[in-house]
Amino acid sequence: MMDRICLILSIIGGLNWGSIGLFKFDLVAWLCGGQSSVLSRIIYVVVGLSALWCISLLFRERDQVLERSR
């Protein structure tokens, strides 16, 4: 379950970075009142931590990842 949550958060973060790169629009900052707001910073940290968690998916055996996703 943790793998799926972290993967979803990483995808959301990637989409946000894509919108920044393509349109110069930061969806998180827009929703939360700017990049320096406490809520935005919390979201950025949570997405970053979830991306770090997803790195572990690269080093797990395929069978182990499949068993956990069931």
PDB file of N, CA and C in Angstrom:
ATOM      1  N   MET A   1       0.819  -1.187   0.000  1.00  0.00           N
ATOM      2  CA  MET A   1       0.000   0.000   0.000  1.00  0.00           C
ATOM      3  C   MET A   1       0.870   1.262   0.000  1.00  0.00           C
ATOM      4  N   MET A   2       1.942   1.221   0.794  1.00  0.00           N
ATOM      5  CA  MET A   2       2.855   2.373   0.860  1.00  0.00           C
ATOM      6  C   MET A   2       3.490   2.632  -0.506  1.00  0.00           C
ATOM      7  N   ASP A   3       3.829   1.563  -1.224  1.00  0.00           N
ATOM      8  CA  ASP A   3       4.424   1.718  -2.551  1.00  0.00           C
ATOM      9  C   ASP A   3       3.477   2.465  -3.489  1.00  0.00           C
ATOM     10  N   ARG A   4       2.213   2.100  -3.451  1.00  0.00           N
ATOM     11  CA  ARG A   4       1.222   2.743  -4.333  1.00  0.00           C
ATOM     12  C   ARG A   4       1.020   4.213  -3.970  1.00  0.00           C
ATOM     13  N   ILE A   5       0.931   4.509  -2.688  1.00  0.00           N
ATOM     14  CA  ILE A   5       0.755   5.894  -2.258  1.00  0.00           C
ATOM     15  C   ILE A   5       1.938   6.735  -2.700  1.00  0.00           C
ATOM     16  N   CYS A   6       3.137   6.227  -2.485  1.00  0.00           N
ATOM     17  CA  CYS A   6       4.339   6.972  -2.867  1.00  0.00           C
ATOM     18  C   CYS A   6       4.440   7.126  -4.379  1.00  0.00           C
ATOM     19  N   LEU A   7       4.045   6.108  -5.108  1.00  0.00           N
ATOM     20  CA  LEU A   7       4.071   6.194  -6.565  1.00  0.00           C
ATOM     21  C   LEU A   7       3.075   7.248  -7.057  1.00  0.00           C
ATOM     22  N   ILE A   8       1.894   7.279  -6.482  1.00  0.00           N
ATOM     23  CA  ILE A   8       0.896   8.283  -6.864  1.00  0.00           C
ATOM     24  C   ILE A   8       1.401   9.691  -6.557  1.00  0.00           C
ATOM     25  N   LEU A   9       1.981   9.876  -5.375  1.00  0.00           N
ATOM     26  CA  LEU A   9       2.511  11.198  -5.017  1.00  0.00           C
ATOM     27  C   LEU A   9       3.662  11.605  -5.934  1.00  0.00           C
ATOM     28  N   SER A  10       4.493  10.653  -6.316  1.00  0.00           N
ATOM     29  CA  SER A  10       5.602  10.956  -7.227  1.00  0.00           C
ATOM     30  C   SER A  10       5.079  11.335  -8.610  1.00  0.00           C
ATOM     31  N   ILE A  11       4.040  10.678  -9.057  1.00  0.00           N
ATOM     32  CA  ILE A  11       3.441  11.023 -10.355  1.00  0.00           C
ATOM     33  C   ILE A  11       2.843  12.422 -10.299  1.00  0.00           C
ATOM     34  N   ILE A  12       2.140  12.729  -9.208  1.00  0.00           N
ATOM     35  CA  ILE A  12       1.583  14.076  -9.053  1.00  0.00           C
ATOM     36  C   ILE A  12       2.698  15.117  -9.059  1.00  0.00           C
ATOM     37  N   GLY A  13       3.787  14.831  -8.354  1.00  0.00           N
ATOM     38  CA  GLY A  13       4.919  15.746  -8.346  1.00  0.00           C
ATOM     39  C   GLY A  13       5.530  15.915  -9.725  1.00  0.00           C
ATOM     40  N   GLY A  14       5.625  14.818 -10.466  1.00  0.00           N
ATOM     41  CA  GLY A  14       6.155  14.893 -11.823  1.00  0.00           C
ATOM     42  C   GLY A  14       5.268  15.715 -12.741  1.00  0.00           C
ATOM     43  N   LEU A  15       3.960  15.549 -12.585  1.00  0.00           N
ATOM     44  CA  LEU A  15       3.029  16.355 -13.384  1.00  0.00           C
ATOM     45  C   LEU A  15       3.136  17.836 -13.026  1.00  0.00           C
ATOM     46  N   ASN A  16       3.333  18.119 -11.742  1.00  0.00           N
ATOM     47  CA  ASN A  16       3.514  19.511 -11.328  1.00  0.00           C
ATOM     48  C   ASN A  16       4.783  20.099 -11.940  1.00  0.00           C
ATOM     49  N   TRP A  17       5.879  19.327 -11.903  1.00  0.00           N
ATOM     50  CA  TRP A  17       7.122  19.797 -12.521  1.00  0.00           C
ATOM     51  C   TRP A  17       6.957  19.970 -14.027  1.00  0.00           C
ATOM     52  N   GLY A  18       6.185  19.092 -14.654  1.00  0.00           N
ATOM     53  CA  GLY A  18       5.913  19.239 -16.079  1.00  0.00           C
ATOM     54  C   GLY A  18       5.163  20.522 -16.377  1.00  0.00           C
ATOM     55  N   SER A  19       4.194  20.853 -15.532  1.00  0.00           N
ATOM     56  CA  SER A  19       3.449  22.103 -15.739  1.00  0.00           C
ATOM     57  C   SER A  19       4.330  23.322 -15.497  1.00  0.00           C
ATOM     58  N   ILE A  20       5.282  23.199 -14.581  1.00  0.00           N
ATOM     59  CA  ILE A  20       6.224  24.303 -14.365  1.00  0.00           C
ATOM     60  C   ILE A  20       7.110  24.471 -15.593  1.00  0.00           C
ATOM     61  N   GLY A  21       7.621  23.371 -16.114  1.00  0.00           N
ATOM     62  CA  GLY A  21       8.514  23.432 -17.271  1.00  0.00           C
ATOM     63  C   GLY A  21       7.827  23.893 -18.540  1.00  0.00           C
ATOM     64  N   LEU A  22       6.616  23.426 -18.768  1.00  0.00           N
ATOM     65  CA  LEU A  22       5.917  23.757 -20.005  1.00  0.00           C
ATOM     66  C   LEU A  22       5.195  25.103 -19.956  1.00  0.00           C
ATOM     67  N   PHE A  23       4.566  25.387 -18.821  1.00  0.00           N
ATOM     68  CA  PHE A  23       3.686  26.548 -18.745  1.00  0.00           C
ATOM     69  C   PHE A  23       4.090  27.592 -17.713  1.00  0.00           C
ATOM     70  N   LYS A  24       5.185  27.317 -16.981  1.00  0.00           N
ATOM     71  CA  LYS A  24       5.609  28.190 -15.882  1.00  0.00           C
ATOM     72  C   LYS A  24       4.485  28.379 -14.870  1.00  0.00           C
ATOM     73  N   PHE A  25       3.778  27.274 -14.600  1.00  0.00           N
ATOM     74  CA  PHE A  25       2.646  27.296 -13.676  1.00  0.00           C
ATOM     75  C   PHE A  25       2.842  26.223 -12.618  1.00  0.00           C
ATOM     76  N   ASP A  26       2.983  26.647 -11.368  1.00  0.00           N
ATOM     77  CA  ASP A  26       3.156  25.726 -10.244  1.00  0.00           C
ATOM     78  C   ASP A  26       1.793  25.507  -9.591  1.00  0.00           C
ATOM     79  N   LEU A  27       1.201  24.353  -9.863  1.00  0.00           N
ATOM     80  CA  LEU A  27      -0.143  24.046  -9.374  1.00  0.00           C
ATOM     81  C   LEU A  27      -0.193  24.012  -7.850  1.00  0.00           C
ATOM     82  N   VAL A  28       0.823  23.440  -7.214  1.00  0.00           N
ATOM     83  CA  VAL A  28       0.847  23.362  -5.753  1.00  0.00           C
ATOM     84  C   VAL A  28       0.877  24.762  -5.148  1.00  0.00           C
ATOM     85  N   ALA A  29       1.742  25.608  -5.669  1.00  0.00           N
ATOM     86  CA  ALA A  29       1.832  26.975  -5.155  1.00  0.00           C
ATOM     87  C   ALA A  29       0.527  27.730  -5.391  1.00  0.00           C
ATOM     88  N   TRP A  30      -0.081  27.510  -6.538  1.00  0.00           N
ATOM     89  CA  TRP A  30      -1.334  28.188  -6.854  1.00  0.00           C
ATOM     90  C   TRP A  30      -2.448  27.753  -5.894  1.00  0.00           C
ATOM     91  N   LEU A  31      -2.512  26.451  -5.608  1.00  0.00           N
ATOM     92  CA  LEU A  31      -3.551  25.942  -4.721  1.00  0.00           C
ATOM     93  C   LEU A  31      -3.335  26.321  -3.257  1.00  0.00           C
ATOM     94  N   CYS A  32      -2.074  26.473  -2.874  1.00  0.00           N
ATOM     95  CA  CYS A  32      -1.755  26.636  -1.445  1.00  0.00           C
ATOM     96  C   CYS A  32      -1.305  28.036  -1.063  1.00  0.00           C
ATOM     97  N   GLY A  33      -1.346  28.969  -1.978  1.00  0.00           N
ATOM     98  CA  GLY A  33      -1.020  30.340  -1.607  1.00  0.00           C
ATOM     99  C   GLY A  33       0.433  30.734  -1.775  1.00  0.00           C
ATOM    100  N   GLY A  34       1.131  30.163  -2.724  1.00  0.00           N
ATOM    101  CA  GLY A  34       2.520  30.535  -2.992  1.00  0.00           C
ATOM    102  C   GLY A  34       3.500  29.457  -2.592  1.00  0.00           C
ATOM    103  N   GLN A  35       4.695  29.545  -3.177  1.00  0.00           N
ATOM    104  CA  GLN A  35       5.721  28.531  -2.921  1.00  0.00           C
ATOM    105  C   GLN A  35       6.237  28.556  -1.494  1.00  0.00           C
ATOM    106  N   SER A  36       6.188  29.691  -0.859  1.00  0.00           N
ATOM    107  CA  SER A  36       6.769  29.791   0.483  1.00  0.00           C
ATOM    108  C   SER A  36       5.745  29.548   1.596  1.00  0.00           C
ATOM    109  N   SER A  37       4.495  29.257   1.242  1.00  0.00           N
ATOM    110  CA  SER A  37       3.513  28.974   2.290  1.00  0.00           C
ATOM    111  C   SER A  37       3.850  27.638   2.956  1.00  0.00           C
ATOM    112  N   VAL A  38       3.444  27.519   4.193  1.00  0.00           N
ATOM    113  CA  VAL A  38       3.750  26.316   4.972  1.00  0.00           C
ATOM    114  C   VAL A  38       3.139  25.083   4.313  1.00  0.00           C
ATOM    115  N   LEU A  39       1.903  25.194   3.855  1.00  0.00           N
ATOM    116  CA  LEU A  39       1.240  24.047   3.239  1.00  0.00           C
ATOM    117  C   LEU A  39       1.949  23.592   1.962  1.00  0.00           C
ATOM    118  N   SER A  40       2.376  24.544   1.140  1.00  0.00           N
ATOM    119  CA  SER A  40       3.122  24.195  -0.077  1.00  0.00           C
ATOM    120  C   SER A  40       4.412  23.478   0.265  1.00  0.00           C
ATOM    121  N   ARG A  41       5.107  23.987   1.239  1.00  0.00           N
ATOM    122  CA  ARG A  41       6.385  23.372   1.622  1.00  0.00           C
ATOM    123  C   ARG A  41       6.180  21.971   2.161  1.00  0.00           C
ATOM    124  N   ILE A  42       5.105  21.759   2.916  1.00  0.00           N
ATOM    125  CA  ILE A  42       4.806  20.416   3.424  1.00  0.00           C
ATOM    126  C   ILE A  42       4.537  19.471   2.253  1.00  0.00           C
ATOM    127  N   ILE A  43       3.757  19.926   1.291  1.00  0.00           N
ATOM    128  CA  ILE A  43       3.459  19.093   0.125  1.00  0.00           C
ATOM    129  C   ILE A  43       4.726  18.773  -0.647  1.00  0.00           C
ATOM    130  N   TYR A  44       5.600  19.766  -0.847  1.00  0.00           N
ATOM    131  CA  TYR A  44       6.861  19.525  -1.554  1.00  0.00           C
ATOM    132  C   TYR A  44       7.708  18.491  -0.821  1.00  0.00           C
ATOM    133  N   VAL A  45       7.765  18.577   0.496  1.00  0.00           N
ATOM    134  CA  VAL A  45       8.563  17.624   1.282  1.00  0.00           C
ATOM    135  C   VAL A  45       7.967  16.223   1.201  1.00  0.00           C
ATOM    136  N   VAL A  46       6.646  16.106   1.312  1.00  0.00           N
ATOM    137  CA  VAL A  46       6.000  14.791   1.251  1.00  0.00           C
ATOM    138  C   VAL A  46       6.210  14.149  -0.118  1.00  0.00           C
ATOM    139  N   VAL A  47       6.091  14.943  -1.183  1.00  0.00           N
ATOM    140  CA  VAL A  47       6.314  14.413  -2.534  1.00  0.00           C
ATOM    141  C   VAL A  47       7.780  13.999  -2.700  1.00  0.00           C
ATOM    142  N   GLY A  48       8.697  14.796  -2.173  1.00  0.00           N
ATOM    143  CA  GLY A  48      10.113  14.442  -2.245  1.00  0.00           C
ATOM    144  C   GLY A  48      10.434  13.162  -1.493  1.00  0.00           C
ATOM    145  N   LEU A  49       9.858  13.013  -0.316  1.00  0.00           N
ATOM    146  CA  LEU A  49      10.078  11.787   0.458  1.00  0.00           C
ATOM    147  C   LEU A  49       9.476  10.571  -0.247  1.00  0.00           C
ATOM    148  N   SER A  50       8.334  10.770  -0.878  1.00  0.00           N
ATOM    149  CA  SER A  50       7.739   9.646  -1.604  1.00  0.00           C
ATOM    150  C   SER A  50       8.596   9.257  -2.805  1.00  0.00           C
ATOM    151  N   ALA A  51       9.223  10.225  -3.439  1.00  0.00           N
ATOM    152  CA  ALA A  51      10.132   9.907  -4.547  1.00  0.00           C
ATOM    153  C   ALA A  51      11.339   9.113  -4.039  1.00  0.00           C
ATOM    154  N   LEU A  52      11.839   9.469  -2.864  1.00  0.00           N
ATOM    155  CA  LEU A  52      12.941   8.698  -2.282  1.00  0.00           C
ATOM    156  C   LEU A  52      12.504   7.265  -1.996  1.00  0.00           C
ATOM    157  N   TRP A  53      11.290   7.095  -1.513  1.00  0.00           N
ATOM    158  CA  TRP A  53      10.758   5.756  -1.261  1.00  0.00           C
ATOM    159  C   TRP A  53      10.692   4.958  -2.565  1.00  0.00           C
ATOM    160  N   CYS A  54      10.288   5.622  -3.644  1.00  0.00           N
ATOM    161  CA  CYS A  54      10.149   4.947  -4.937  1.00  0.00           C
ATOM    162  C   CYS A  54      11.490   4.476  -5.489  1.00  0.00           C
ATOM    163  N   ILE A  55      12.579   5.095  -5.073  1.00  0.00           N
ATOM    164  CA  ILE A  55      13.899   4.628  -5.491  1.00  0.00           C
ATOM    165  C   ILE A  55      14.101   3.185  -5.038  1.00  0.00           C
ATOM    166  N   SER A  56      13.558   2.846  -3.873  1.00  0.00           N
ATOM    167  CA  SER A  56      13.720   1.479  -3.371  1.00  0.00           C
ATOM    168  C   SER A  56      13.050   0.460  -4.285  1.00  0.00           C
ATOM    169  N   LEU A  57      12.044   0.874  -5.048  1.00  0.00           N
ATOM    170  CA  LEU A  57      11.382  -0.047  -5.977  1.00  0.00           C
ATOM    171  C   LEU A  57      12.345  -0.546  -7.051  1.00  0.00           C
ATOM    172  N   LEU A  58      13.326   0.275  -7.386  1.00  0.00           N
ATOM    173  CA  LEU A  58      14.296  -0.115  -8.412  1.00  0.00           C
ATOM    174  C   LEU A  58      15.196  -1.265  -7.967  1.00  0.00           C
ATOM    175  N   PHE A  59      15.386  -1.393  -6.666  1.00  0.00           N
ATOM    176  CA  PHE A  59      16.345  -2.359  -6.152  1.00  0.00           C
ATOM    177  C   PHE A  59      15.699  -3.604  -5.554  1.00  0.00           C
ATOM    178  N   ARG A  60      14.390  -3.687  -5.608  1.00  0.00           N
ATOM    179  CA  ARG A  60      13.701  -4.868  -5.099  1.00  0.00           C
ATOM    180  C   ARG A  60      13.581  -5.911  -6.194  1.00  0.00           C
ATOM    181  N   GLU A  61      13.506  -7.152  -5.765  1.00  0.00           N
ATOM    182  CA  GLU A  61      13.256  -8.226  -6.707  1.00  0.00           C
ATOM    183  C   GLU A  61      11.851  -8.063  -7.275  1.00  0.00           C
ATOM    184  N   ARG A  62      11.665  -8.420  -8.513  1.00  0.00           N
ATOM    185  CA  ARG A  62      10.365  -8.241  -9.162  1.00  0.00           C
ATOM    186  C   ARG A  62       9.264  -9.005  -8.442  1.00  0.00           C
ATOM    187  N   ASP A  63       9.540 -10.222  -8.011  1.00  0.00           N
ATOM    188  CA  ASP A  63       8.531 -11.027  -7.320  1.00  0.00           C
ATOM    189  C   ASP A  63       8.121 -10.383  -6.002  1.00  0.00           C
ATOM    190  N   GLN A  64       9.076  -9.784  -5.311  1.00  0.00           N
ATOM    191  CA  GLN A  64       8.788  -9.135  -4.040  1.00  0.00           C
ATOM    192  C   GLN A  64       7.873  -7.931  -4.256  1.00  0.00           C
ATOM    193  N   VAL A  65       8.099  -7.173  -5.308  1.00  0.00           N
ATOM    194  CA  VAL A  65       7.258  -6.009  -5.607  1.00  0.00           C
ATOM    195  C   VAL A  65       5.853  -6.467  -5.978  1.00  0.00           C
ATOM    196  N   LEU A  66       5.745  -7.530  -6.763  1.00  0.00           N
ATOM    197  CA  LEU A  66       4.431  -8.042  -7.155  1.00  0.00           C
ATOM    198  C   LEU A  66       3.651  -8.574  -5.959  1.00  0.00           C
ATOM    199  N   GLU A  67       4.333  -9.239  -5.028  1.00  0.00           N
ATOM    200  CA  GLU A  67       3.657  -9.762  -3.849  1.00  0.00           C
ATOM    201  C   GLU A  67       3.109  -8.632  -2.987  1.00  0.00           C
ATOM    202  N   ARG A  68       3.847  -7.547  -2.849  1.00  0.00           N
ATOM    203  CA  ARG A  68       3.406  -6.440  -2.019  1.00  0.00           C
ATOM    204  C   ARG A  68       2.262  -5.670  -2.655  1.00  0.00           C
ATOM    205  N   SER A  69       2.176  -5.696  -3.982  1.00  0.00           N
ATOM    206  CA  SER A  69       1.120  -4.923  -4.643  1.00  0.00           C
ATOM    207  C   SER A  69      -0.222  -5.638  -4.604  1.00  0.00           C
ATOM    208  N   ARG A  70      -0.249  -6.887  -4.228  1.00  0.00           N
ATOM    209  CA  ARG A  70      -1.521  -7.649  -4.177  1.00  0.00           C
ATOM    210  C   ARG A  70      -2.286  -7.392  -2.942  1.00  0.00           C
TER     211      ARG A  70
END
